[in-house]
Structures are given as structure tokens and as C-alpha cells.
Amino acid sequence: MSQLEAIVGRSRRAVDLVGHDWGALLSQRVASTRPDLVRSLAVGGAAIDSEYEWHAAAQIWQTPGRGERHMEERLTPEAAVAYLIDSGVPERYARVNSWLVPGNKDCVLRLYRSAVRIGEEWEPDLGRLDLPAAVIWGRADQFVPLVWGERLAMRIGAELVCLDCGHWWPYQRPRETAAALIGLWSTEGEDLRWN
């Protein structure tokens, strides 16, 4: 059982699960393997898809030796903060990013190396999803282009919400993200917020 599945399972009722990037991948996994735990799903910035080729940084991190060198040489504290700001993360969040926490670079490497084949391994279970869902995506996502969000939305029967921003839509478009979530939770005349 995954940690996310255990956390969601502690609830006394099905939850509205929202995830971005790795949170999106893990949320898709929990919703597809334990649909009894999830009432609605909103995800974006990463899609379980057997045809997806990992972005350039992920491929570096998945390569032993090369990933460690990249983390050491390219993701110094100053460079990591600048990289995140340049890709759309507000400075106040970029300055507290997980790469700055001792030991987290190794965690990132282990995570990416464990996930090389999740597209082909996890995709078949997506067919089990039958719940209100939204796929929220930045039109200019520089890590996972919009086409992958479109494919995911079609595959799981979700509404596709395209936002005029990059990868970090929760930071870059918080009002639009909130509106999309409220819209999801108020679908089909049933106000999911109050059940």
C-alpha cells in the first residue's frame, strides 16, 4: 500500500483528490487502484501514459552517475532557486524547495529511477476510473506538454481545463485553479462540496 493510499484510506469517506506533478501521478494511481477511496479526481502536470518519454531533467536523474553529477553541479542552492523561478515558481516558494533539504536530492534520484516504467505498468488500471474528474494543465507546460493532458483527459473521461501558464499552474493561476476545482465539485447538479 502506498503512503498516499494509506493517508486517503484513513478518511471515513471517499475524498476529493487533487494532485500536481508527482502528486498527479500518485493521485491517478490511487484513484485507479482504489476507486472506493476517491470521490473526485483533479490532476495536472503529469500523466500516466505508456507513450510518454520523460522530460530531459528526469532522464538525467534516472541515469546512475549522471544524475548525481547533475544534482551536485547544476542544482546548487543558488542554481536550484533560480531554475525554479525561471520556470514559473514564485520566489518565496522557490527559496524553500525540497532540493535544499539535506538528503532530498538522493530521494529525488531514487524516486525517478523507480518510476522509469510506470507509464506502461500503471496505465492499464486507468480504465477503472469512473468518477468526476478534471485534468488541469498549463498551455505552455515546459516539462510535460499539453498533448499529454489532452490524452489523459480523454482516457479517463475528464474535463480538460487549459490555463494560460506553464507547468506550475497551482502557483501561476490560483484563482483559475480554484474555479476549476469548485466547478468539478459542483458537477451534474450535485454539489459535491456538501455531501
N, C-alpha and C. Protein backbone atom coordinates (compact mmCIF):
# COMPACT_ATOMS: atom_id res chain seq x y z
N MET A 1 0.85 -1.18 0.00
CA MET A 1 0.00 0.00 0.00
C MET A 1 0.90 1.24 0.00
N SER A 2 0.59 2.18 -0.88
CA SER A 2 1.37 3.42 -0.93
C SER A 2 1.02 4.31 0.26
N GLN A 3 1.92 5.24 0.56
CA GLN A 3 1.66 6.17 1.65
C GLN A 3 0.42 7.01 1.37
N LEU A 4 0.27 7.45 0.12
CA LEU A 4 -0.91 8.25 -0.22
C LEU A 4 -2.18 7.44 -0.03
N GLU A 5 -2.16 6.20 -0.48
CA GLU A 5 -3.34 5.34 -0.30
C GLU A 5 -3.65 5.17 1.18
N ALA A 6 -2.64 5.00 2.01
CA ALA A 6 -2.85 4.86 3.46
C ALA A 6 -3.46 6.13 4.05
N ILE A 7 -2.95 7.29 3.63
CA ILE A 7 -3.48 8.56 4.14
C ILE A 7 -4.93 8.74 3.72
N VAL A 8 -5.21 8.50 2.44
CA VAL A 8 -6.58 8.65 1.94
C VAL A 8 -7.49 7.64 2.62
N GLY A 9 -6.99 6.44 2.84
CA GLY A 9 -7.78 5.39 3.47
C GLY A 9 -8.19 5.69 4.89
N ARG A 10 -7.49 6.60 5.55
CA ARG A 10 -7.85 6.96 6.94
C ARG A 10 -9.14 7.76 7.02
N SER A 11 -9.54 8.33 5.91
CA SER A 11 -10.78 9.11 5.91
C SER A 11 -11.96 8.17 6.10
N ARG A 12 -12.98 8.67 6.68
CA ARG A 12 -14.18 7.84 6.90
C ARG A 12 -15.06 7.78 5.66
N ARG A 13 -14.70 8.58 4.65
CA ARG A 13 -15.47 8.57 3.40
C ARG A 13 -14.55 8.89 2.24
N ALA A 14 -15.04 8.70 1.04
CA ALA A 14 -14.25 8.97 -0.15
C ALA A 14 -13.85 10.44 -0.19
N VAL A 15 -12.67 10.72 -0.72
CA VAL A 15 -12.12 12.07 -0.71
C VAL A 15 -12.07 12.66 -2.12
N ASP A 16 -11.95 13.97 -2.18
CA ASP A 16 -11.70 14.70 -3.42
C ASP A 16 -10.18 14.84 -3.52
N LEU A 17 -9.58 14.12 -4.43
CA LEU A 17 -8.13 14.04 -4.52
C LEU A 17 -7.61 14.99 -5.59
N VAL A 18 -6.66 15.85 -5.21
CA VAL A 18 -6.08 16.85 -6.12
C VAL A 18 -4.56 16.67 -6.11
N GLY A 19 -3.96 16.58 -7.31
CA GLY A 19 -2.53 16.41 -7.37
C GLY A 19 -1.89 17.11 -8.55
N HIS A 20 -0.70 17.63 -8.35
CA HIS A 20 0.08 18.28 -9.40
C HIS A 20 1.43 17.58 -9.51
N ASP A 21 1.93 17.41 -10.73
CA ASP A 21 3.24 16.84 -11.00
C ASP A 21 3.30 15.43 -10.39
N TRP A 22 4.24 15.16 -9.51
CA TRP A 22 4.30 13.83 -8.90
C TRP A 22 3.03 13.53 -8.11
N GLY A 23 2.44 14.55 -7.51
CA GLY A 23 1.16 14.35 -6.83
C GLY A 23 0.08 13.89 -7.79
N ALA A 24 0.15 14.36 -9.05
CA ALA A 24 -0.81 13.94 -10.06
C ALA A 24 -0.62 12.47 -10.40
N LEU A 25 0.63 12.05 -10.57
CA LEU A 25 0.89 10.64 -10.88
C LEU A 25 0.40 9.74 -9.76
N LEU A 26 0.73 10.10 -8.53
CA LEU A 26 0.33 9.26 -7.40
C LEU A 26 -1.18 9.29 -7.18
N SER A 27 -1.79 10.44 -7.43
CA SER A 27 -3.25 10.53 -7.31
C SER A 27 -3.95 9.68 -8.36
N GLN A 28 -3.43 9.71 -9.59
CA GLN A 28 -4.00 8.85 -10.64
C GLN A 28 -3.89 7.38 -10.24
N ARG A 29 -2.76 7.03 -9.66
CA ARG A 29 -2.55 5.64 -9.25
C ARG A 29 -3.53 5.22 -8.17
N VAL A 30 -3.66 6.02 -7.13
CA VAL A 30 -4.58 5.67 -6.04
C VAL A 30 -6.01 5.61 -6.55
N ALA A 31 -6.41 6.60 -7.35
CA ALA A 31 -7.79 6.62 -7.85
C ALA A 31 -8.08 5.43 -8.75
N SER A 32 -7.07 4.94 -9.47
CA SER A 32 -7.31 3.83 -10.39
C SER A 32 -7.20 2.47 -9.72
N THR A 33 -6.47 2.38 -8.63
CA THR A 33 -6.34 1.09 -7.94
C THR A 33 -7.26 0.98 -6.73
N ARG A 34 -7.68 2.12 -6.18
CA ARG A 34 -8.60 2.13 -5.03
C ARG A 34 -9.71 3.14 -5.28
N PRO A 35 -10.51 2.95 -6.33
CA PRO A 35 -11.57 3.92 -6.64
C PRO A 35 -12.58 4.08 -5.51
N ASP A 36 -12.67 3.12 -4.63
CA ASP A 36 -13.58 3.22 -3.49
C ASP A 36 -13.16 4.32 -2.51
N LEU A 37 -11.93 4.76 -2.58
CA LEU A 37 -11.43 5.78 -1.67
C LEU A 37 -11.58 7.20 -2.20
N VAL A 38 -11.91 7.34 -3.50
CA VAL A 38 -11.86 8.65 -4.14
C VAL A 38 -13.22 9.03 -4.70
N ARG A 39 -13.70 10.22 -4.35
CA ARG A 39 -14.98 10.72 -4.84
C ARG A 39 -14.80 11.51 -6.13
N SER A 40 -13.74 12.32 -6.21
CA SER A 40 -13.43 13.06 -7.43
C SER A 40 -11.92 13.18 -7.55
N LEU A 41 -11.46 13.43 -8.78
CA LEU A 41 -10.04 13.50 -9.05
C LEU A 41 -9.73 14.72 -9.89
N ALA A 42 -8.77 15.52 -9.45
CA ALA A 42 -8.28 16.66 -10.24
C ALA A 42 -6.77 16.57 -10.27
N VAL A 43 -6.20 16.48 -11.47
CA VAL A 43 -4.76 16.30 -11.60
C VAL A 43 -4.23 17.11 -12.78
N GLY A 44 -2.93 17.33 -12.78
CA GLY A 44 -2.31 18.00 -13.92
C GLY A 44 -0.81 18.11 -13.76
N GLY A 45 -0.15 18.34 -14.89
CA GLY A 45 1.29 18.50 -14.89
C GLY A 45 2.05 17.20 -15.03
N ALA A 46 1.35 16.07 -15.03
CA ALA A 46 1.96 14.76 -15.24
C ALA A 46 0.84 13.76 -15.51
N ALA A 47 1.10 12.87 -16.46
CA ALA A 47 0.08 11.89 -16.84
C ALA A 47 0.68 10.50 -16.91
N ILE A 48 -0.04 9.54 -16.41
CA ILE A 48 0.35 8.15 -16.60
C ILE A 48 0.03 7.82 -18.05
N ASP A 49 1.06 7.52 -18.83
CA ASP A 49 0.87 7.26 -20.26
C ASP A 49 2.06 6.44 -20.75
N SER A 50 1.79 5.30 -21.33
CA SER A 50 2.86 4.41 -21.78
C SER A 50 3.69 5.01 -22.90
N GLU A 51 3.17 6.01 -23.58
CA GLU A 51 3.91 6.62 -24.69
C GLU A 51 4.70 7.86 -24.27
N TYR A 52 4.53 8.29 -23.04
CA TYR A 52 5.24 9.49 -22.57
C TYR A 52 6.73 9.19 -22.42
N GLU A 53 7.56 10.07 -22.98
CA GLU A 53 9.00 10.00 -22.78
C GLU A 53 9.37 11.05 -21.75
N TRP A 54 10.01 10.63 -20.68
CA TRP A 54 10.34 11.53 -19.58
C TRP A 54 11.07 12.77 -20.09
N HIS A 55 10.82 13.91 -19.44
CA HIS A 55 11.47 15.16 -19.82
C HIS A 55 12.98 15.05 -19.58
N ALA A 56 13.73 15.99 -20.15
CA ALA A 56 15.20 15.90 -20.18
C ALA A 56 15.81 15.77 -18.79
N ALA A 57 15.37 16.58 -17.84
CA ALA A 57 15.94 16.51 -16.49
C ALA A 57 15.66 15.15 -15.86
N ALA A 58 14.46 14.63 -16.05
CA ALA A 58 14.11 13.32 -15.49
C ALA A 58 15.02 12.24 -16.06
N GLN A 59 15.29 12.31 -17.34
CA GLN A 59 16.16 11.30 -17.96
C GLN A 59 17.57 11.36 -17.38
N ILE A 60 18.04 12.57 -17.09
CA ILE A 60 19.35 12.71 -16.46
C ILE A 60 19.31 12.08 -15.07
N TRP A 61 18.27 12.40 -14.29
CA TRP A 61 18.17 11.89 -12.92
C TRP A 61 18.00 10.38 -12.89
N GLN A 62 17.43 9.82 -13.92
CA GLN A 62 17.23 8.37 -13.96
C GLN A 62 18.51 7.61 -14.33
N THR A 63 19.55 8.32 -14.70
CA THR A 63 20.79 7.69 -15.13
C THR A 63 21.82 7.71 -14.00
N PRO A 64 22.18 6.53 -13.46
CA PRO A 64 23.17 6.48 -12.39
C PRO A 64 24.47 7.19 -12.78
N GLY A 65 25.03 7.92 -11.85
CA GLY A 65 26.25 8.68 -12.09
C GLY A 65 25.94 10.03 -12.67
N ARG A 66 25.28 10.04 -13.78
CA ARG A 66 24.92 11.30 -14.43
C ARG A 66 23.97 12.12 -13.55
N GLY A 67 23.00 11.45 -12.95
CA GLY A 67 22.04 12.13 -12.08
C GLY A 67 22.71 12.75 -10.86
N GLU A 68 23.62 12.00 -10.24
CA GLU A 68 24.34 12.52 -9.07
C GLU A 68 25.17 13.74 -9.44
N ARG A 69 25.87 13.67 -10.60
CA ARG A 69 26.67 14.82 -11.04
C ARG A 69 25.79 16.03 -11.30
N HIS A 70 24.63 15.81 -11.92
CA HIS A 70 23.71 16.91 -12.20
C HIS A 70 23.24 17.56 -10.91
N MET A 71 22.86 16.74 -9.95
CA MET A 71 22.39 17.28 -8.67
C MET A 71 23.49 18.08 -7.98
N GLU A 72 24.71 17.56 -8.01
CA GLU A 72 25.83 18.21 -7.32
C GLU A 72 26.28 19.49 -8.03
N GLU A 73 26.40 19.42 -9.36
CA GLU A 73 26.98 20.53 -10.11
C GLU A 73 25.96 21.57 -10.56
N ARG A 74 24.77 21.12 -10.92
CA ARG A 74 23.78 22.02 -11.51
C ARG A 74 22.72 22.50 -10.55
N LEU A 75 22.47 21.75 -9.49
CA LEU A 75 21.41 22.14 -8.56
C LEU A 75 21.99 22.56 -7.22
N THR A 76 22.95 23.47 -7.29
CA THR A 76 23.44 24.11 -6.07
C THR A 76 22.27 24.91 -5.50
N PRO A 77 22.32 25.29 -4.23
CA PRO A 77 21.19 26.05 -3.68
C PRO A 77 20.82 27.28 -4.52
N GLU A 78 21.81 28.04 -4.96
CA GLU A 78 21.52 29.24 -5.76
C GLU A 78 20.91 28.86 -7.12
N ALA A 79 21.50 27.87 -7.76
CA ALA A 79 21.03 27.47 -9.09
C ALA A 79 19.63 26.85 -9.03
N ALA A 80 19.36 26.07 -7.97
CA ALA A 80 18.04 25.44 -7.84
C ALA A 80 16.94 26.49 -7.69
N VAL A 81 17.22 27.51 -6.88
CA VAL A 81 16.23 28.57 -6.69
C VAL A 81 16.01 29.33 -8.00
N ALA A 82 17.09 29.69 -8.67
CA ALA A 82 16.98 30.42 -9.94
C ALA A 82 16.25 29.58 -10.99
N TYR A 83 16.54 28.30 -11.05
CA TYR A 83 15.89 27.39 -12.01
C TYR A 83 14.38 27.37 -11.80
N LEU A 84 13.97 27.26 -10.55
CA LEU A 84 12.53 27.21 -10.26
C LEU A 84 11.86 28.54 -10.58
N ILE A 85 12.50 29.64 -10.21
CA ILE A 85 11.92 30.96 -10.51
C ILE A 85 11.79 31.13 -12.02
N ASP A 86 12.83 30.75 -12.75
CA ASP A 86 12.79 30.86 -14.22
C ASP A 86 11.69 30.01 -14.84
N SER A 87 11.34 28.90 -14.18
CA SER A 87 10.29 28.04 -14.75
C SER A 87 8.90 28.37 -14.22
N GLY A 88 8.78 29.45 -13.41
CA GLY A 88 7.45 29.91 -13.03
C GLY A 88 7.06 29.77 -11.58
N VAL A 89 7.94 29.26 -10.73
CA VAL A 89 7.62 29.14 -9.31
C VAL A 89 7.89 30.50 -8.64
N PRO A 90 6.93 31.02 -7.88
CA PRO A 90 7.17 32.28 -7.18
C PRO A 90 8.39 32.18 -6.26
N GLU A 91 9.13 33.26 -6.15
CA GLU A 91 10.40 33.25 -5.41
C GLU A 91 10.24 32.73 -3.98
N ARG A 92 9.18 33.13 -3.30
CA ARG A 92 9.05 32.71 -1.89
C ARG A 92 8.93 31.19 -1.76
N TYR A 93 8.35 30.52 -2.76
CA TYR A 93 8.29 29.05 -2.73
C TYR A 93 9.57 28.43 -3.25
N ALA A 94 10.17 29.05 -4.24
CA ALA A 94 11.43 28.54 -4.80
C ALA A 94 12.52 28.51 -3.73
N ARG A 95 12.48 29.47 -2.82
CA ARG A 95 13.53 29.56 -1.80
C ARG A 95 13.38 28.51 -0.71
N VAL A 96 12.28 27.79 -0.67
CA VAL A 96 12.09 26.71 0.31
C VAL A 96 11.88 25.37 -0.39
N ASN A 97 12.46 25.22 -1.59
CA ASN A 97 12.23 24.00 -2.36
C ASN A 97 12.92 22.78 -1.75
N SER A 98 12.45 21.62 -2.10
CA SER A 98 12.92 20.39 -1.48
C SER A 98 14.37 20.05 -1.82
N TRP A 99 14.91 20.59 -2.91
CA TRP A 99 16.31 20.31 -3.22
C TRP A 99 17.24 20.89 -2.17
N LEU A 100 16.77 21.84 -1.40
CA LEU A 100 17.60 22.48 -0.38
C LEU A 100 17.62 21.70 0.93
N VAL A 101 16.75 20.71 1.07
CA VAL A 101 16.68 19.91 2.28
C VAL A 101 17.73 18.80 2.21
N PRO A 102 18.58 18.68 3.21
CA PRO A 102 19.60 17.63 3.18
C PRO A 102 18.99 16.25 2.94
N GLY A 103 19.56 15.52 2.00
CA GLY A 103 19.11 14.16 1.68
C GLY A 103 18.04 14.09 0.61
N ASN A 104 17.40 15.21 0.29
CA ASN A 104 16.30 15.16 -0.68
C ASN A 104 16.76 14.95 -2.12
N LYS A 105 17.95 15.38 -2.46
CA LYS A 105 18.43 15.14 -3.82
C LYS A 105 18.52 13.63 -4.07
N ASP A 106 19.00 12.89 -3.09
CA ASP A 106 19.06 11.44 -3.21
C ASP A 106 17.66 10.85 -3.32
N CYS A 107 16.71 11.40 -2.57
CA CYS A 107 15.31 10.93 -2.66
C CYS A 107 14.74 11.15 -4.06
N VAL A 108 15.04 12.32 -4.63
CA VAL A 108 14.57 12.61 -5.99
C VAL A 108 15.15 11.60 -6.98
N LEU A 109 16.43 11.33 -6.86
CA LEU A 109 17.06 10.36 -7.77
C LEU A 109 16.43 8.98 -7.62
N ARG A 110 16.23 8.53 -6.39
CA ARG A 110 15.61 7.21 -6.17
C ARG A 110 14.19 7.17 -6.70
N LEU A 111 13.44 8.26 -6.50
CA LEU A 111 12.06 8.33 -6.98
C LEU A 111 12.01 8.21 -8.50
N TYR A 112 12.78 9.03 -9.19
CA TYR A 112 12.76 8.98 -10.66
C TYR A 112 13.26 7.66 -11.20
N ARG A 113 14.23 7.06 -10.56
CA ARG A 113 14.74 5.76 -11.03
C ARG A 113 13.75 4.63 -10.79
N SER A 114 12.93 4.78 -9.77
CA SER A 114 11.92 3.75 -9.50
C SER A 114 10.74 3.83 -10.46
N ALA A 115 10.65 4.94 -11.20
CA ALA A 115 9.44 5.21 -11.98
C ALA A 115 9.64 5.16 -13.49
N VAL A 116 10.76 4.66 -13.94
CA VAL A 116 11.06 4.67 -15.37
C VAL A 116 9.93 4.05 -16.19
N ARG A 117 9.30 3.00 -15.68
CA ARG A 117 8.31 2.25 -16.46
C ARG A 117 6.88 2.39 -15.95
N ILE A 118 6.59 3.39 -15.13
CA ILE A 118 5.24 3.47 -14.58
C ILE A 118 4.18 3.69 -15.64
N GLY A 119 4.52 4.33 -16.74
CA GLY A 119 3.52 4.53 -17.80
C GLY A 119 2.94 3.22 -18.26
N GLU A 120 3.79 2.31 -18.63
CA GLU A 120 3.29 1.02 -19.12
C GLU A 120 2.78 0.14 -18.00
N GLU A 121 3.33 0.27 -16.81
CA GLU A 121 2.88 -0.55 -15.68
C GLU A 121 1.55 -0.09 -15.10
N TRP A 122 1.35 1.22 -15.02
CA TRP A 122 0.16 1.75 -14.34
C TRP A 122 -0.98 2.10 -15.29
N GLU A 123 -0.69 2.35 -16.56
CA GLU A 123 -1.74 2.80 -17.49
C GLU A 123 -2.94 1.86 -17.57
N PRO A 124 -2.75 0.54 -17.61
CA PRO A 124 -3.94 -0.33 -17.73
C PRO A 124 -4.99 -0.10 -16.65
N ASP A 125 -4.56 0.26 -15.44
CA ASP A 125 -5.51 0.48 -14.35
C ASP A 125 -6.33 1.76 -14.49
N LEU A 126 -5.89 2.69 -15.35
CA LEU A 126 -6.66 3.93 -15.53
C LEU A 126 -8.07 3.65 -16.05
N GLY A 127 -8.26 2.54 -16.74
CA GLY A 127 -9.57 2.18 -17.25
C GLY A 127 -10.59 1.93 -16.15
N ARG A 128 -10.15 1.77 -14.93
CA ARG A 128 -11.06 1.55 -13.81
C ARG A 128 -11.69 2.84 -13.29
N LEU A 129 -11.16 3.98 -13.73
CA LEU A 129 -11.67 5.25 -13.23
C LEU A 129 -13.06 5.54 -13.78
N ASP A 130 -13.97 5.80 -12.88
CA ASP A 130 -15.34 6.17 -13.24
C ASP A 130 -15.86 7.11 -12.16
N LEU A 131 -15.37 8.34 -12.19
CA LEU A 131 -15.73 9.31 -11.17
C LEU A 131 -15.58 10.70 -11.77
N PRO A 132 -16.18 11.71 -11.15
CA PRO A 132 -15.99 13.07 -11.66
C PRO A 132 -14.50 13.41 -11.64
N ALA A 133 -14.00 13.94 -12.76
CA ALA A 133 -12.56 14.22 -12.85
C ALA A 133 -12.30 15.44 -13.71
N ALA A 134 -11.21 16.12 -13.38
CA ALA A 134 -10.73 17.25 -14.17
C ALA A 134 -9.23 17.10 -14.35
N VAL A 135 -8.77 17.43 -15.55
CA VAL A 135 -7.34 17.49 -15.83
C VAL A 135 -7.02 18.96 -16.06
N ILE A 136 -6.18 19.51 -15.20
CA ILE A 136 -5.82 20.94 -15.24
C ILE A 136 -4.40 21.03 -15.77
N TRP A 137 -4.19 21.86 -16.80
CA TRP A 137 -2.89 21.88 -17.46
C TRP A 137 -2.53 23.28 -17.92
N GLY A 138 -1.28 23.62 -17.82
CA GLY A 138 -0.79 24.87 -18.38
C GLY A 138 -0.54 24.71 -19.87
N ARG A 139 -1.08 25.62 -20.67
CA ARG A 139 -0.90 25.54 -22.13
C ARG A 139 0.57 25.53 -22.54
N ALA A 140 1.41 26.20 -21.76
CA ALA A 140 2.83 26.31 -22.09
C ALA A 140 3.69 25.48 -21.15
N ASP A 141 3.17 24.35 -20.68
CA ASP A 141 3.93 23.50 -19.78
C ASP A 141 5.25 23.10 -20.44
N GLN A 142 6.36 23.50 -19.85
CA GLN A 142 7.66 23.27 -20.45
C GLN A 142 8.24 21.90 -20.12
N PHE A 143 7.63 21.17 -19.21
CA PHE A 143 8.12 19.84 -18.83
C PHE A 143 7.27 18.74 -19.43
N VAL A 144 5.95 18.90 -19.37
CA VAL A 144 5.03 17.88 -19.89
C VAL A 144 4.02 18.63 -20.76
N PRO A 145 4.23 18.64 -22.08
CA PRO A 145 3.37 19.42 -22.97
C PRO A 145 1.89 19.06 -22.87
N LEU A 146 1.06 20.00 -23.26
CA LEU A 146 -0.40 19.89 -23.16
C LEU A 146 -0.95 18.62 -23.80
N VAL A 147 -0.34 18.12 -24.84
CA VAL A 147 -0.84 16.92 -25.51
C VAL A 147 -1.03 15.77 -24.52
N TRP A 148 -0.17 15.68 -23.50
CA TRP A 148 -0.29 14.60 -22.53
C TRP A 148 -1.49 14.82 -21.61
N GLY A 149 -1.80 16.07 -21.32
CA GLY A 149 -3.02 16.36 -20.57
C GLY A 149 -4.26 16.04 -21.38
N GLU A 150 -4.22 16.36 -22.67
CA GLU A 150 -5.34 16.05 -23.55
C GLU A 150 -5.57 14.55 -23.61
N ARG A 151 -4.50 13.80 -23.75
CA ARG A 151 -4.61 12.33 -23.81
C ARG A 151 -5.17 11.77 -22.50
N LEU A 152 -4.69 12.29 -21.38
CA LEU A 152 -5.18 11.81 -20.08
C LEU A 152 -6.66 12.13 -19.92
N ALA A 153 -7.06 13.34 -20.23
CA ALA A 153 -8.47 13.72 -20.09
C ALA A 153 -9.36 12.81 -20.92
N MET A 154 -8.94 12.53 -22.14
CA MET A 154 -9.74 11.66 -23.00
C MET A 154 -9.78 10.23 -22.42
N ARG A 155 -8.66 9.76 -21.96
CA ARG A 155 -8.57 8.39 -21.46
C ARG A 155 -9.46 8.17 -20.23
N ILE A 156 -9.52 9.16 -19.33
CA ILE A 156 -10.29 8.95 -18.08
C ILE A 156 -11.64 9.65 -18.09
N GLY A 157 -12.02 10.24 -19.23
CA GLY A 157 -13.32 10.90 -19.32
C GLY A 157 -13.42 12.13 -18.46
N ALA A 158 -12.33 12.89 -18.38
CA ALA A 158 -12.29 14.07 -17.52
C ALA A 158 -12.47 15.35 -18.33
N GLU A 159 -12.91 16.39 -17.66
CA GLU A 159 -12.93 17.72 -18.26
C GLU A 159 -11.49 18.21 -18.33
N LEU A 160 -11.09 18.77 -19.47
CA LEU A 160 -9.76 19.35 -19.63
C LEU A 160 -9.87 20.85 -19.39
N VAL A 161 -9.12 21.34 -18.43
CA VAL A 161 -9.08 22.77 -18.11
C VAL A 161 -7.69 23.27 -18.49
N CYS A 162 -7.62 24.06 -19.56
CA CYS A 162 -6.35 24.62 -20.03
C CYS A 162 -6.18 26.03 -19.48
N LEU A 163 -5.05 26.26 -18.83
CA LEU A 163 -4.77 27.57 -18.25
C LEU A 163 -3.62 28.22 -19.00
N ASP A 164 -3.66 29.52 -19.11
CA ASP A 164 -2.60 30.27 -19.80
C ASP A 164 -1.41 30.47 -18.86
N CYS A 165 -0.59 29.43 -18.77
CA CYS A 165 0.58 29.45 -17.92
C CYS A 165 1.47 28.28 -18.28
N GLY A 166 2.52 28.09 -17.49
CA GLY A 166 3.43 26.97 -17.69
C GLY A 166 3.07 25.80 -16.80
N HIS A 167 4.10 25.10 -16.35
CA HIS A 167 3.92 23.86 -15.58
C HIS A 167 3.32 24.09 -14.20
N TRP A 168 3.61 25.22 -13.60
CA TRP A 168 3.28 25.43 -12.19
C TRP A 168 1.93 26.11 -12.01
N TRP A 169 0.88 25.59 -12.63
CA TRP A 169 -0.44 26.22 -12.59
C TRP A 169 -1.00 26.47 -11.18
N PRO A 170 -0.72 25.63 -10.17
CA PRO A 170 -1.25 25.97 -8.85
C PRO A 170 -0.71 27.30 -8.32
N TYR A 171 0.54 27.61 -8.67
CA TYR A 171 1.14 28.89 -8.27
C TYR A 171 0.77 30.01 -9.24
N GLN A 172 0.84 29.69 -10.53
CA GLN A 172 0.70 30.72 -11.56
C GLN A 172 -0.75 31.16 -11.78
N ARG A 173 -1.70 30.29 -11.58
CA ARG A 173 -3.11 30.60 -11.79
C ARG A 173 -3.97 30.06 -10.65
N PRO A 174 -3.76 30.56 -9.42
CA PRO A 174 -4.50 30.01 -8.28
C PRO A 174 -6.01 30.26 -8.35
N ARG A 175 -6.44 31.42 -8.83
CA ARG A 175 -7.89 31.69 -8.90
C ARG A 175 -8.56 30.78 -9.92
N GLU A 176 -7.92 30.62 -11.08
CA GLU A 176 -8.49 29.76 -12.11
C GLU A 176 -8.50 28.30 -11.66
N THR A 177 -7.45 27.92 -10.94
CA THR A 177 -7.39 26.56 -10.40
C THR A 177 -8.53 26.34 -9.41
N ALA A 178 -8.74 27.30 -8.51
CA ALA A 178 -9.83 27.20 -7.54
C ALA A 178 -11.18 27.12 -8.24
N ALA A 179 -11.37 27.92 -9.29
CA ALA A 179 -12.63 27.88 -10.03
C ALA A 179 -12.84 26.51 -10.67
N ALA A 180 -11.78 25.93 -11.22
CA ALA A 180 -11.89 24.60 -11.84
C ALA A 180 -12.26 23.55 -10.80
N LEU A 181 -11.67 23.65 -9.62
CA LEU A 181 -11.98 22.69 -8.56
C LEU A 181 -13.42 22.85 -8.07
N ILE A 182 -13.84 24.08 -7.87
CA ILE A 182 -15.23 24.31 -7.45
C ILE A 182 -16.19 23.80 -8.51
N GLY A 183 -15.85 24.03 -9.78
CA GLY A 183 -16.68 23.51 -10.86
C GLY A 183 -16.76 21.99 -10.84
N LEU A 184 -15.64 21.33 -10.60
CA LEU A 184 -15.63 19.87 -10.51
C LEU A 184 -16.48 19.39 -9.35
N TRP A 185 -16.34 20.05 -8.23
CA TRP A 185 -17.04 19.62 -7.03
C TRP A 185 -18.52 19.99 -7.05
N SER A 186 -18.96 20.70 -8.07
CA SER A 186 -20.37 21.08 -8.21
C SER A 186 -20.95 20.51 -9.50
N THR A 187 -20.46 19.38 -9.97
CA THR A 187 -20.87 18.82 -11.26
C THR A 187 -22.23 18.17 -11.21
N GLU A 188 -22.85 18.16 -12.39
CA GLU A 188 -24.11 17.43 -12.63
C GLU A 188 -25.20 17.77 -11.62
N GLY A 189 -25.24 19.04 -11.21
CA GLY A 189 -26.31 19.46 -10.32
C GLY A 189 -26.17 18.99 -8.90
N GLU A 190 -25.16 18.16 -8.63
CA GLU A 190 -24.94 17.68 -7.28
C GLU A 190 -23.75 18.41 -6.70
N ASP A 191 -23.96 19.13 -5.63
CA ASP A 191 -22.89 19.89 -5.02
C ASP A 191 -22.05 18.95 -4.18
N LEU A 192 -20.92 18.49 -4.74
CA LEU A 192 -20.08 17.53 -4.04
C LEU A 192 -19.45 18.12 -2.78
N ARG A 193 -19.40 19.45 -2.69
CA ARG A 193 -18.75 20.06 -1.53
C ARG A 193 -19.48 19.76 -0.23
N TRP A 194 -20.77 19.49 -0.29
CA TRP A 194 -21.55 19.39 0.95
C TRP A 194 -22.06 17.99 1.24
N ASN A 195 -21.64 17.02 0.52
CA ASN A 195 -22.10 15.65 0.77
C ASN A 195 -21.28 14.94 1.82
